[in-house]
Amino acid sequence: MGIAAAEAGKVGQAVPLVEEALSRDPNNAEYLAQYARLLILLRRDGEAADAARSALEAPGSDARTMDTVGCVLARLGDHEGSIAPFGEAVAREPGNLDYRYNLAAACGFTGRVAEARGHYEVILSADPGEPRTHYALSILSRQTREANHVDRLEAAVASARKPQDLVRLRYALAKELEDIGEPRRAFAALSAANADHKRASGYDFAQDAAIFDAIEAAFGQAPEAGPGNPDDTPIFVVGMPRTGTTLVDRILSSHPEVGSAGELQAMPLAIKQAAGTPSRTVLDPETVSAAMGAEPAEIGRRYLDRAAHHRPAGSPRFVDKLPANFLNVGHIARALPNARIVCLRRGPMDTVWSNFRNLFATQSPYYAYSYDLLDTARYYARFDQLMALWERLFPGRVLQLGYEALVADQQSETRRLLEHCGLSWDPACLAFHENRAAVATPSAAQVRRSLNADGIGRWKTHDAGMAEVRAFFEAEGIAVD
């Protein structure tokens, strides 16, 4: 009954039913795994982690139960921990391609690139057109003219029928074409994919503009706030996506006093909960306005409670690397006055191109702008404007760290970063590429290499296609390199 309720979208009704089942059979691995899955959907992460780990210890688990546990651990950011249950699921049902895909993804996130590639190839041998596997394989590593999948991808694109499948396949094709030095064909594939997805999503930039307007209006006339929570353990790394946030997360988490908690939804959810608005979206103009009436210390407490379940054990400090938290800098500054905030900045043209060329979570409202070059340019302009507001309101609270400056002078900029975060110098931070922790972002392959300038000025390869973006920035008075 609990599972039926959950499948009907009534997760709140499902939980007590599964709890009743567990009261009668508390060591049932399947019940525990499904309970953990439901708790994750309700964002009760700490309880979900406990239930998932109890399921691992319970006897009599089957392949589906192991895969469910693995998915819960992955959602909690424990990709290393997910390897064992995913591997067990595949061992018990080697023909289940969904289980194998989950294992392959976990291998990729944890640096087991050869194993991931092998599992992806097994999937494609059974289902040659499987779009998410083609995309995952394309971003697993950099392709070369001698070794790539372009012909196979073109065949998959030609035979694909579902619009969402075409989006993934064209992104994969564009990525590999760019890798092997065919920018015109890459731009054509990418433009087609993005145009199709934007049409299907119905996105209008006015949706994001309304959120920026609401934030600027709320903090432009913000009343005096009460004291915040004094905890000084979080380090927030924010900025536009694809600007070096993962790189800085790796640098910081290479320090012996710092662990990475990944991209947490803890702050947006703490603000939403404190605002008490009934809307189903986490961030909207109504919530922005209502949150201004919440006590900063309460937002800080709610955040820390949510983040606690994701913090690596044994690290006194932790990094929260949700790029979109740049929207929440005002609340972070008031709610956690001793927390450190770092904002990554990258050249505007490279930022736009890098956002446009990466396939983010297609259902996430955070990245809806990224399927159109001009929408992305408009978003960058509003981001730039908002960061200027935060600097006026909270001078010195946010370290603006330039990606290009970090590449040009790694040691000096790393020292500046550590000093801002209240950390002592440690040479391990220069060897971030040796950090073996999992990476679950499109940057997974890049951050396992030493620092390089490959990504600087990459937009110039597509100068003609980016002309409209350049003109927009020039009209807005935003300097273009």
Protein backbone atom coordinates (compact mmCIF):
# COMPACT_ATOMS: atom_id res chain seq x y z
CA MET A 1 0.00 0.00 0.00
CA GLY A 2 2.85 2.38 0.78
CA ILE A 3 4.54 1.77 -2.56
CA ALA A 4 1.22 2.18 -4.39
CA ALA A 5 0.65 5.51 -2.63
CA ALA A 6 4.16 6.68 -3.54
CA GLU A 7 3.69 5.71 -7.19
CA ALA A 8 0.50 7.78 -7.18
CA GLY A 9 2.54 10.78 -6.00
CA LYS A 10 1.26 10.65 -2.40
CA VAL A 11 4.63 10.31 -0.69
CA GLY A 12 3.39 11.84 2.56
CA GLN A 13 0.73 9.13 2.81
CA ALA A 14 3.18 6.42 1.78
CA VAL A 15 5.67 6.96 4.61
CA PRO A 16 3.43 5.94 7.55
CA LEU A 17 2.29 2.87 5.63
CA VAL A 18 5.88 1.74 5.08
CA GLU A 19 6.63 2.57 8.71
CA GLU A 20 3.77 0.27 9.72
CA ALA A 21 5.26 -2.50 7.57
CA LEU A 22 8.64 -1.95 9.24
CA SER A 23 7.08 -2.11 12.70
CA ARG A 24 6.00 -5.66 11.84
CA ASP A 25 9.24 -6.67 10.12
CA PRO A 26 11.97 -4.21 11.20
CA ASN A 27 14.88 -6.02 9.52
CA ASN A 28 13.29 -6.40 6.10
CA ALA A 29 15.89 -5.09 3.64
CA GLU A 30 13.35 -4.18 0.95
CA TYR A 31 11.15 -2.24 3.38
CA LEU A 32 14.16 -0.36 4.70
CA ALA A 33 15.40 0.50 1.21
CA GLN A 34 12.01 1.75 0.08
CA TYR A 35 11.63 3.72 3.30
CA ALA A 36 15.00 5.38 2.63
CA ARG A 37 13.89 6.22 -0.93
CA LEU A 38 10.71 7.90 0.32
CA LEU A 39 12.58 9.86 3.00
CA ILE A 40 14.95 11.19 0.33
CA LEU A 41 11.94 12.42 -1.66
CA LEU A 42 10.76 14.26 1.47
CA ARG A 43 14.29 15.68 1.94
CA ARG A 44 14.68 13.95 5.31
CA ASP A 45 18.28 13.11 4.46
CA GLY A 46 19.58 12.07 7.86
CA GLU A 47 16.82 9.53 8.40
CA ALA A 48 17.22 8.31 4.82
CA ALA A 49 20.92 7.67 5.40
CA ASP A 50 20.17 5.64 8.54
CA ALA A 51 17.52 3.57 6.76
CA ALA A 52 19.77 2.92 3.74
CA ARG A 53 22.64 1.73 5.88
CA SER A 54 20.31 -0.49 7.91
CA ALA A 55 19.11 -2.00 4.63
CA LEU A 56 22.71 -2.84 3.71
CA GLU A 57 23.12 -4.74 6.97
CA ALA A 58 19.77 -6.56 6.76
CA PRO A 59 19.66 -10.13 5.43
CA GLY A 60 17.79 -11.31 2.37
CA SER A 61 18.23 -8.34 0.04
CA ASP A 62 17.64 -8.75 -3.70
CA ALA A 63 19.06 -6.86 -6.70
CA ARG A 64 16.38 -4.18 -6.72
CA THR A 65 16.88 -3.49 -3.02
CA MET A 66 20.63 -3.11 -3.52
CA ASP A 67 20.09 -0.75 -6.46
CA THR A 68 17.62 1.31 -4.41
CA VAL A 69 20.12 1.62 -1.56
CA GLY A 70 22.79 2.67 -4.04
CA CYS A 71 20.51 5.35 -5.47
CA VAL A 72 19.78 6.71 -1.99
CA LEU A 73 23.48 6.87 -1.13
CA ALA A 74 24.18 8.60 -4.44
CA ARG A 75 21.48 11.18 -3.72
CA LEU A 76 23.17 11.77 -0.37
CA GLY A 77 26.46 12.39 -2.18
CA ASP A 78 28.09 9.17 -0.94
CA HIS A 79 29.16 7.95 -4.37
CA GLU A 80 31.99 5.86 -2.96
CA GLY A 81 29.52 4.12 -0.66
CA SER A 82 27.13 3.48 -3.55
CA ILE A 83 29.66 1.37 -5.47
CA ALA A 84 29.16 -1.77 -3.35
CA PRO A 85 25.34 -1.95 -3.50
CA PHE A 86 25.29 -1.04 -7.21
CA GLY A 87 27.93 -3.70 -7.85
CA GLU A 88 25.90 -6.27 -5.91
CA ALA A 89 22.77 -5.42 -7.93
CA VAL A 90 24.66 -5.95 -11.21
CA ALA A 91 26.22 -9.18 -9.94
CA ARG A 92 22.75 -10.56 -9.17
CA GLU A 93 21.08 -9.29 -12.36
CA PRO A 94 23.80 -8.62 -14.95
CA GLY A 95 21.26 -8.17 -17.72
CA ASN A 96 19.49 -5.25 -16.03
CA LEU A 97 20.79 -2.22 -17.93
CA ASP A 98 19.42 0.31 -15.45
CA TYR A 99 21.40 -1.27 -12.61
CA ARG A 100 24.51 -1.37 -14.77
CA TYR A 101 24.10 2.29 -15.76
CA ASN A 102 23.92 3.32 -12.09
CA LEU A 103 27.10 1.38 -11.37
CA ALA A 104 28.84 2.92 -14.39
CA ALA A 105 27.89 6.44 -13.29
CA ALA A 106 29.19 5.79 -9.76
CA CYS A 107 32.45 4.46 -11.21
CA GLY A 108 32.81 7.62 -13.28
CA PHE A 109 32.14 9.89 -10.31
CA THR A 110 34.77 8.10 -8.23
CA GLY A 111 37.51 8.11 -10.87
CA ARG A 112 37.17 4.47 -11.98
CA VAL A 113 37.11 5.60 -15.60
CA ALA A 114 38.07 2.31 -17.27
CA GLU A 115 35.42 0.41 -15.30
CA ALA A 116 32.80 3.02 -16.14
CA ARG A 117 33.68 2.84 -19.83
CA GLY A 118 33.42 -0.95 -19.80
CA HIS A 119 29.94 -0.90 -18.24
CA TYR A 120 28.72 1.78 -20.68
CA GLU A 121 29.93 -0.29 -23.62
CA VAL A 122 28.08 -3.36 -22.30
CA ILE A 123 24.89 -1.27 -22.20
CA LEU A 124 25.38 0.02 -25.76
CA SER A 125 26.07 -3.45 -27.07
CA ALA A 126 22.61 -4.43 -25.79
CA ASP A 127 20.85 -1.15 -26.63
CA PRO A 128 22.84 0.77 -29.30
CA GLY A 129 20.65 3.88 -29.19
CA GLU A 130 20.50 4.39 -25.40
CA PRO A 131 20.89 8.21 -25.17
CA ARG A 132 21.95 8.78 -21.56
CA THR A 133 24.70 6.18 -21.95
CA HIS A 134 26.01 7.81 -25.12
CA TYR A 135 26.11 11.15 -23.33
CA ALA A 136 27.75 9.77 -20.18
CA LEU A 137 30.41 8.03 -22.27
CA SER A 138 31.15 11.19 -24.26
CA ILE A 139 31.86 13.29 -21.15
CA LEU A 140 33.76 10.55 -19.32
CA SER A 141 37.03 11.65 -20.92
CA ARG A 142 38.40 13.80 -23.71
CA GLN A 143 38.05 12.22 -27.13
CA THR A 144 40.70 12.26 -29.87
CA ARG A 145 40.70 11.96 -33.65
CA GLU A 146 42.11 8.48 -33.24
CA ALA A 147 39.62 7.34 -30.60
CA ASN A 148 36.08 8.74 -30.56
CA HIS A 149 32.45 7.74 -31.06
CA VAL A 150 31.37 10.32 -33.67
CA ASP A 151 30.21 7.83 -36.33
CA ARG A 152 28.26 5.81 -33.78
CA LEU A 153 26.66 8.96 -32.37
CA GLU A 154 25.65 10.21 -35.81
CA ALA A 155 23.95 6.86 -36.45
CA ALA A 156 22.14 7.10 -33.11
CA VAL A 157 20.99 10.66 -33.88
CA ALA A 158 19.66 9.54 -37.26
CA SER A 159 17.59 6.75 -35.72
CA ALA A 160 16.36 8.57 -32.59
CA ARG A 161 12.67 9.45 -32.47
CA LYS A 162 11.99 10.91 -29.01
CA PRO A 163 12.80 14.64 -28.63
CA GLN A 164 14.52 14.18 -25.26
CA ASP A 165 16.67 11.38 -26.69
CA LEU A 166 17.76 13.68 -29.51
CA VAL A 167 18.77 16.38 -27.04
CA ARG A 168 21.13 14.03 -25.18
CA LEU A 169 22.55 12.48 -28.33
CA ARG A 170 23.22 15.84 -29.97
CA TYR A 171 24.93 17.10 -26.84
CA ALA A 172 27.13 14.01 -26.87
CA LEU A 173 27.88 14.46 -30.57
CA ALA A 174 28.69 18.16 -30.12
CA LYS A 175 31.05 17.41 -27.24
CA GLU A 176 33.00 14.83 -29.23
CA LEU A 177 33.10 16.97 -32.38
CA GLU A 178 34.55 19.83 -30.36
CA ASP A 179 37.08 17.46 -28.77
CA ILE A 180 38.37 16.35 -32.18
CA GLY A 181 38.57 19.87 -33.61
CA GLU A 182 35.40 20.26 -35.68
CA PRO A 183 33.81 23.37 -34.12
CA ARG A 184 31.34 24.20 -36.90
CA ARG A 185 29.72 20.79 -36.80
CA ALA A 186 29.79 20.90 -32.99
CA PHE A 187 28.04 24.28 -32.92
CA ALA A 188 25.35 23.06 -35.34
CA ALA A 189 24.60 19.96 -33.26
CA LEU A 190 24.54 21.94 -30.03
CA SER A 191 22.31 24.68 -31.43
CA ALA A 192 19.79 22.12 -32.66
CA ALA A 193 19.72 20.35 -29.30
CA ASN A 194 19.27 23.55 -27.32
CA ALA A 195 16.61 25.00 -29.61
CA ASP A 196 14.56 21.81 -29.37
CA HIS A 197 14.81 21.70 -25.60
CA LYS A 198 13.94 25.36 -25.13
CA ARG A 199 10.82 24.94 -27.28
CA ALA A 200 9.77 21.90 -25.27
CA SER A 201 10.36 23.57 -21.90
CA GLY A 202 8.48 26.79 -22.70
CA TYR A 203 11.11 28.77 -20.79
CA ASP A 204 10.98 32.57 -20.86
CA PHE A 205 13.78 34.67 -19.37
CA ALA A 206 11.12 36.74 -17.61
CA GLN A 207 10.83 33.86 -15.11
CA ASP A 208 14.40 34.35 -13.90
CA ALA A 209 14.24 38.14 -14.25
CA ALA A 210 11.33 38.17 -11.78
CA ILE A 211 13.46 36.31 -9.20
CA PHE A 212 16.39 38.70 -9.62
CA ASP A 213 14.00 41.66 -9.34
CA ALA A 214 12.49 40.24 -6.15
CA ILE A 215 15.89 39.65 -4.51
CA GLU A 216 17.14 43.13 -5.38
CA ALA A 217 13.92 44.73 -4.14
CA ALA A 218 13.88 42.72 -0.90
CA PHE A 219 17.48 43.44 0.07
CA GLY A 220 17.41 46.97 -1.31
CA GLN A 221 15.05 47.88 1.51
CA ALA A 222 15.88 45.12 3.96
CA PRO A 223 15.05 45.90 7.60
CA GLU A 224 17.64 45.53 10.33
CA ALA A 225 18.10 41.83 11.01
CA GLY A 226 18.62 40.04 14.29
CA PRO A 227 21.85 38.17 15.06
CA GLY A 228 22.74 35.11 13.01
CA ASN A 229 24.08 31.71 13.96
CA PRO A 230 27.77 32.03 14.96
CA ASP A 231 28.86 28.70 13.44
CA ASP A 232 31.96 29.21 11.29
CA THR A 233 32.33 25.77 9.72
CA PRO A 234 30.71 26.26 6.27
CA ILE A 235 32.56 27.59 3.23
CA PHE A 236 30.15 28.48 0.43
CA VAL A 237 31.52 28.30 -3.13
CA VAL A 238 29.10 30.05 -5.48
CA GLY A 239 28.96 31.52 -8.98
CA MET A 240 27.64 30.82 -12.42
CA PRO A 241 27.94 27.12 -13.32
CA ARG A 242 31.02 26.02 -15.28
CA THR A 243 33.20 28.84 -13.98
CA GLY A 244 35.56 26.87 -11.74
CA THR A 245 33.39 26.14 -8.70
CA THR A 246 34.28 22.44 -8.77
CA LEU A 247 37.95 23.30 -9.13
CA VAL A 248 37.85 25.52 -6.04
CA ASP A 249 35.89 22.88 -4.13
CA ARG A 250 38.69 20.41 -4.90
CA ILE A 251 41.39 22.88 -3.89
CA LEU A 252 39.71 23.58 -0.56
CA SER A 253 38.85 19.96 0.18
CA SER A 254 42.50 19.01 -0.40
CA HIS A 255 43.23 20.92 2.80
CA PRO A 256 43.44 18.59 5.83
CA GLU A 257 40.86 20.63 7.76
CA VAL A 258 38.22 20.72 5.00
CA GLY A 259 35.85 18.19 3.46
CA SER A 260 33.49 18.61 0.54
CA ALA A 261 29.78 18.18 1.16
CA GLY A 262 28.98 18.60 -2.55
CA GLU A 263 26.17 20.69 -4.00
CA LEU A 264 23.71 20.95 -1.12
CA GLN A 265 20.13 22.12 -1.37
CA ALA A 266 20.32 22.86 2.36
CA MET A 267 20.36 26.68 2.12
CA PRO A 268 17.56 27.06 -0.47
CA LEU A 269 15.44 24.63 1.55
CA ALA A 270 16.21 26.36 4.85
CA ILE A 271 15.12 29.68 3.34
CA LYS A 272 11.98 28.13 1.87
CA GLN A 273 11.08 26.49 5.17
CA ALA A 274 11.65 29.69 7.11
CA ALA A 275 9.57 31.66 4.59
CA GLY A 276 6.65 29.25 5.02
CA THR A 277 5.25 29.89 1.54
CA PRO A 278 2.90 27.23 0.11
CA SER A 279 4.26 27.24 -3.46
CA ARG A 280 5.78 24.00 -4.75
CA THR A 281 8.87 25.78 -6.10
CA VAL A 282 11.79 26.31 -3.76
CA LEU A 283 12.68 29.73 -5.16
CA ASP A 284 10.09 32.21 -6.39
CA PRO A 285 9.35 35.91 -5.85
CA GLU A 286 6.81 35.18 -3.10
CA THR A 287 9.34 33.13 -1.14
CA VAL A 288 12.04 35.77 -1.62
CA SER A 289 9.76 38.40 -0.07
CA ALA A 290 8.44 36.22 2.76
CA ALA A 291 11.91 35.04 3.81
CA MET A 292 12.88 38.58 4.77
CA GLY A 293 10.64 38.25 7.83
CA ALA A 294 12.44 35.17 9.12
CA GLU A 295 15.01 35.38 11.91
CA PRO A 296 18.51 34.97 10.44
CA ALA A 297 19.60 32.67 13.28
CA GLU A 298 16.68 30.37 12.50
CA ILE A 299 17.68 30.12 8.83
CA GLY A 300 21.23 29.39 9.97
CA ARG A 301 20.06 26.65 12.33
CA ARG A 302 17.85 25.03 9.71
CA TYR A 303 20.72 25.10 7.22
CA LEU A 304 23.20 23.49 9.60
CA ASP A 305 20.70 20.79 10.55
CA ARG A 306 20.21 19.87 6.89
CA ALA A 307 23.90 20.09 6.01
CA ALA A 308 24.98 17.92 8.95
CA HIS A 309 23.99 14.70 7.18
CA HIS A 310 26.26 15.48 4.21
CA ARG A 311 29.39 16.62 6.02
CA PRO A 312 32.40 14.30 5.63
CA ALA A 313 33.34 12.72 8.93
CA GLY A 314 36.48 14.01 10.60
CA SER A 315 36.67 17.41 8.86
CA PRO A 316 36.18 20.48 11.08
CA ARG A 317 35.20 22.63 8.06
CA PHE A 318 33.15 21.81 4.97
CA VAL A 319 32.49 23.20 1.50
CA ASP A 320 28.96 23.67 0.18
CA LYS A 321 29.42 24.00 -3.58
CA LEU A 322 25.96 24.85 -4.89
CA PRO A 323 26.70 27.47 -7.58
CA ALA A 324 23.18 28.93 -7.43
CA ASN A 325 23.71 29.96 -3.83
CA PHE A 326 24.94 33.26 -5.28
CA LEU A 327 21.22 34.09 -5.23
CA ASN A 328 21.22 33.48 -1.47
CA VAL A 329 24.35 35.41 -0.47
CA GLY A 330 22.24 37.96 1.40
CA HIS A 331 20.67 35.29 3.59
CA ILE A 332 23.99 33.47 4.05
CA ALA A 333 25.69 36.69 5.15
CA ARG A 334 22.97 37.43 7.72
CA ALA A 335 22.20 33.89 8.87
CA LEU A 336 25.80 32.68 9.18
CA PRO A 337 27.92 35.80 9.75
CA ASN A 338 31.10 33.77 10.33
CA ALA A 339 30.74 31.53 7.28
CA ARG A 340 33.10 32.22 4.38
CA ILE A 341 31.81 32.87 0.85
CA VAL A 342 33.78 32.55 -2.38
CA CYS A 343 32.33 33.55 -5.75
CA LEU A 344 33.98 32.31 -8.93
CA ARG A 345 34.21 34.75 -11.81
CA ARG A 346 35.08 33.81 -15.36
CA GLY A 347 35.19 35.84 -18.57
CA PRO A 348 31.60 36.52 -19.69
CA MET A 349 31.99 35.02 -23.16
CA ASP A 350 33.56 31.81 -21.85
CA THR A 351 30.88 31.64 -19.16
CA VAL A 352 28.09 31.86 -21.71
CA TRP A 353 29.66 29.33 -24.05
CA SER A 354 30.46 26.87 -21.25
CA ASN A 355 26.88 27.03 -19.93
CA PHE A 356 25.43 26.61 -23.42
CA ARG A 357 27.57 23.57 -24.25
CA ASN A 358 26.87 21.58 -21.08
CA LEU A 359 23.75 19.52 -20.52
CA PHE A 360 22.57 20.23 -16.99
CA ALA A 361 19.68 18.53 -15.20
CA THR A 362 16.96 19.18 -17.77
CA GLN A 363 14.18 19.50 -15.19
CA SER A 364 16.06 21.86 -12.88
CA PRO A 365 14.86 25.48 -12.81
CA TYR A 366 18.39 26.58 -11.91
CA TYR A 367 19.65 25.98 -15.45
CA ALA A 368 16.60 26.70 -17.62
CA TYR A 369 18.28 29.77 -19.11
CA SER A 370 21.22 27.76 -20.50
CA TYR A 371 19.49 26.44 -23.63
CA ASP A 372 19.74 29.78 -25.43
CA LEU A 373 22.85 31.89 -25.93
CA LEU A 374 21.15 35.25 -25.40
CA ASP A 375 19.17 34.00 -22.40
CA THR A 376 22.48 32.89 -20.90
CA ALA A 377 24.04 36.29 -21.63
CA ARG A 378 21.05 38.02 -19.98
CA TYR A 379 21.40 35.73 -16.97
CA TYR A 380 25.10 36.55 -16.68
CA ALA A 381 24.33 40.27 -16.74
CA ARG A 382 21.83 39.88 -13.87
CA PHE A 383 24.29 37.68 -11.95
CA ASP A 384 26.94 40.38 -12.37
CA GLN A 385 24.51 43.04 -11.17
CA LEU A 386 23.47 40.98 -8.14
CA MET A 387 27.06 40.31 -7.09
CA ALA A 388 27.67 44.07 -7.18
CA LEU A 389 24.69 44.52 -4.83
CA TRP A 390 26.06 41.94 -2.38
CA GLU A 391 29.41 43.74 -2.36
CA ARG A 392 27.71 47.03 -1.52
CA LEU A 393 25.59 45.50 1.24
CA PHE A 394 28.21 43.14 2.69
CA PRO A 395 31.61 44.60 1.74
CA GLY A 396 34.42 42.08 1.94
CA ARG A 397 32.20 39.11 2.84
CA VAL A 398 32.53 37.53 -0.62
CA LEU A 399 35.90 36.76 -2.18
CA GLN A 400 35.59 37.34 -5.92
CA LEU A 401 38.02 34.78 -7.35
CA GLY A 402 38.83 34.96 -11.05
CA TYR A 403 39.21 31.66 -12.87
CA GLU A 404 41.72 33.14 -15.31
CA ALA A 405 43.77 34.64 -12.44
CA LEU A 406 43.82 31.27 -10.68
CA VAL A 407 45.13 29.58 -13.82
CA ALA A 408 47.75 32.30 -14.39
CA ASP A 409 49.10 32.32 -10.82
CA GLN A 410 47.90 29.21 -9.03
CA GLN A 411 49.98 29.58 -5.89
CA SER A 412 49.26 33.25 -5.17
CA GLU A 413 45.53 32.90 -5.81
CA THR A 414 45.36 29.72 -3.75
CA ARG A 415 47.04 31.52 -0.86
CA ARG A 416 44.51 34.34 -1.19
CA LEU A 417 41.67 31.80 -1.21
CA LEU A 418 42.91 29.99 1.90
CA GLU A 419 43.49 33.24 3.75
CA HIS A 420 39.94 34.40 3.03
CA CYS A 421 38.61 31.08 4.33
CA GLY A 422 40.66 31.30 7.54
CA LEU A 423 42.84 28.32 6.60
CA SER A 424 46.57 27.86 6.99
CA TRP A 425 48.72 27.28 3.94
CA ASP A 426 49.02 23.65 2.85
CA PRO A 427 50.84 22.57 -0.34
CA ALA A 428 48.30 19.76 -0.86
CA CYS A 429 45.93 22.45 -2.15
CA LEU A 430 48.17 22.88 -5.21
CA ALA A 431 47.87 19.15 -5.97
CA PHE A 432 44.06 19.15 -6.03
CA HIS A 433 44.09 16.78 -9.03
CA GLU A 434 45.39 14.05 -6.72
CA ASN A 435 42.30 14.37 -4.52
CA ARG A 436 40.53 11.02 -4.83
CA ALA A 437 37.12 12.12 -3.55
CA ALA A 438 34.12 11.61 -5.84
CA VAL A 439 33.08 14.33 -8.32
CA ALA A 440 29.48 14.28 -9.57
CA THR A 441 29.54 17.24 -11.96
CA PRO A 442 30.37 17.75 -15.66
CA SER A 443 33.84 18.80 -14.45
CA ALA A 444 34.72 15.32 -13.19
CA ALA A 445 37.28 14.63 -15.91
CA GLN A 446 38.86 18.11 -15.84
CA VAL A 447 39.50 18.30 -12.10
CA ARG A 448 41.43 15.04 -12.16
CA ARG A 449 44.02 16.85 -14.34
CA SER A 450 46.48 19.50 -13.15
CA LEU A 451 45.55 23.14 -13.67
CA ASN A 452 45.71 24.24 -17.32
CA ALA A 453 44.51 27.01 -19.60
CA ASP A 454 42.57 24.81 -22.04
CA GLY A 455 39.23 26.39 -21.16
CA ILE A 456 40.32 30.02 -21.46
CA GLY A 457 39.11 31.73 -24.64
CA ARG A 458 37.41 28.60 -25.89
CA TRP A 459 34.44 30.66 -27.08
CA LYS A 460 36.65 32.22 -29.78
CA THR A 461 36.50 28.94 -31.70
CA HIS A 462 32.83 29.83 -32.26
CA ASP A 463 33.34 33.55 -32.82
CA ALA A 464 30.71 33.86 -35.57
CA GLY A 465 28.04 32.03 -33.59
CA MET A 466 28.80 34.13 -30.50
CA ALA A 467 28.63 37.50 -32.29
CA GLU A 468 25.16 38.32 -30.93
CA VAL A 469 26.31 37.60 -27.38
CA ARG A 470 29.32 39.87 -27.81
CA ALA A 471 27.09 42.67 -29.10
CA PHE A 472 24.76 42.24 -26.11
CA PHE A 473 27.59 42.49 -23.60
CA GLU A 474 29.06 45.52 -25.31
CA ALA A 475 25.66 47.23 -25.23
CA GLU A 476 25.39 46.41 -21.50
CA GLY A 477 28.84 47.84 -20.80
CA ILE A 478 30.25 44.45 -19.81
CA ALA A 479 33.88 44.10 -20.88
CA VAL A 480 34.55 41.26 -23.31
CA ASP A 481 38.05 39.80 -23.54
